[in-house]
Amino acid sequence: MLRPFQLSDASEVQRLAGDFAIADTTANIPHPYPDGAAEHWIQSYSSRFAEGREVVFAIIIREENLLGGAIGLHQIDTENERAEMGYWIGVPFWGRGYCTEAAAAVITFGFTQLQLQRIFACHFKRNPASGRAMAKNGMKWEGCLRQHLKRRGRFEDLDYYGILREEWLAFQNHRPDAG
């Protein structure tokens, strides 16, 4: 289930995102995760949402009613009808399909509510599970930007995926669970 973040989520954001494994596989999450950063992060999204630049959702694990991570569309470019999808999933929830399910919902939101033409995302090449979540949602591998980002003193290769509106529509009609 996706919903907007609330300030009451801050301590759980700090706990989950503060895990070194999360910071190690994302471009922007700090480690250690500073006190007050989660509150600032949550509060900062309302203005970017109002300006149409970003939408970010809390991923709620429905069965347990727990915060499991975050997902959203960033760098929303209305002129070119595109946005970048980004996400993180708390380590206790890895390998359970939550990222794939949340990505499907956000991609649908981007194409139906925001009327985007293209959604793209990237991941560190050394984190192939992230690429599998993208591919399971019909995103196509578009290439690797070699040593594109320096993170924690090492250069990272970034694998890029993308999906166009017409590809998403075709994917929706050919999914195994499509009626």
Foldseek 3Di string as FASTA:
>chain_A
DWDQDDLVCQVVCLVQCCPVVNLVWDADRDHNHDPPPSNVVSVVVVVCVVVVAKDKIFQAPVVVRHGFWMKIWGRQDLVQQETEIDITTGPVCPPVCSLLVVVLVRVCCSCPVVVGFKYKYKTFPVPCVNVVSCVLQQWAWDDKDFQPGQDPNGGTIITMTMDGNVSNVVCQCPPPPRD
